Amino acid sequence: MCSHRPSCPATDSCAPHVVAAHPEQGWNLLCDGTIAFDDTGELLPDGSVVAPHRGPAERLAVAA
């Protein structure tokens, strides 16, 4: 359910979409009120926090 007005158009996906992008600051506002950060962390509309969820370091690419 989208909380912004006007409501989001219907899509095939239930996933919220970006309504305000701020790549220079490292975050995006989603249509459900969530702030999603580039480090994969999130700030939910109720004020709770989702910690960044990164993969294991051994899966990261190494520059030569």
Protein backbone atom coordinates (compact mmCIF):
# COMPACT_ATOMS: atom_id res chain seq x y z
CA MET A 1 0.00 0.00 0.00
CA CYS A 2 1.41 3.31 -1.05
CA SER A 3 1.16 6.23 1.37
CA HIS A 4 1.95 9.15 -0.93
CA ARG A 5 -0.58 11.20 -2.84
CA PRO A 6 -1.44 10.73 -5.59
CA SER A 7 -1.24 6.97 -5.15
CA CYS A 8 1.28 4.95 -7.08
CA PRO A 9 0.09 3.46 -10.34
CA ALA A 10 -0.72 -0.23 -10.17
CA THR A 11 2.20 -2.46 -11.12
CA ASP A 12 2.87 -6.19 -11.34
CA SER A 13 5.21 -5.93 -8.35
CA CYS A 14 4.35 -5.26 -4.72
CA ALA A 15 7.78 -3.68 -4.23
CA PRO A 16 7.76 0.04 -3.43
CA HIS A 17 9.40 2.33 -5.95
CA VAL A 18 11.60 5.41 -5.64
CA VAL A 19 9.71 8.71 -5.43
CA ALA A 20 12.71 10.90 -4.54
CA ALA A 21 16.28 9.94 -5.44
CA HIS A 22 19.29 11.52 -3.71
CA PRO A 23 22.30 9.55 -4.99
CA GLU A 24 24.66 12.39 -4.06
CA GLN A 25 23.65 11.83 -0.42
CA GLY A 26 23.35 8.04 -0.64
CA TRP A 27 19.62 7.54 -0.05
CA ASN A 28 16.25 7.21 -1.78
CA LEU A 29 12.71 7.81 -0.52
CA LEU A 30 10.35 4.98 -1.44
CA CYS A 31 6.61 5.37 -2.03
CA ASP A 32 5.79 3.51 1.20
CA GLY A 33 7.72 6.09 3.26
CA THR A 34 10.87 3.99 3.71
CA ILE A 35 14.26 5.65 3.30
CA ALA A 36 16.64 3.19 1.63
CA PHE A 37 20.36 3.87 1.97
CA ASP A 38 23.09 2.89 -0.51
CA ASP A 39 24.73 0.66 2.12
CA THR A 40 21.51 -1.48 2.07
CA GLY A 41 20.26 -0.15 5.42
CA GLU A 42 16.74 1.24 5.75
CA LEU A 43 14.80 3.64 7.95
CA LEU A 44 11.16 2.51 8.09
CA PRO A 45 8.18 4.90 8.37
CA ASP A 46 7.56 3.83 11.99
CA GLY A 47 11.11 4.93 12.92
CA SER A 48 12.58 1.44 13.18
CA VAL A 49 15.89 0.65 11.52
CA VAL A 50 16.92 -2.22 9.23
CA ALA A 51 20.67 -2.74 9.55
CA PRO A 52 22.74 -3.00 6.37
CA HIS A 53 22.77 -6.54 5.02
CA ARG A 54 25.92 -7.18 3.07
CA GLY A 55 27.30 -10.38 1.63
CA PRO A 56 30.45 -12.07 2.93
CA ALA A 57 33.69 -10.21 2.20
CA GLU A 58 35.15 -13.13 0.25
CA ARG A 59 32.46 -12.59 -2.41
CA LEU A 60 33.61 -9.04 -3.10
CA ALA A 61 35.57 -8.35 -6.26
CA VAL A 62 39.22 -7.45 -5.86
CA ALA A 63 40.79 -4.81 -8.10
CA ALA A 64 44.20 -5.72 -9.43
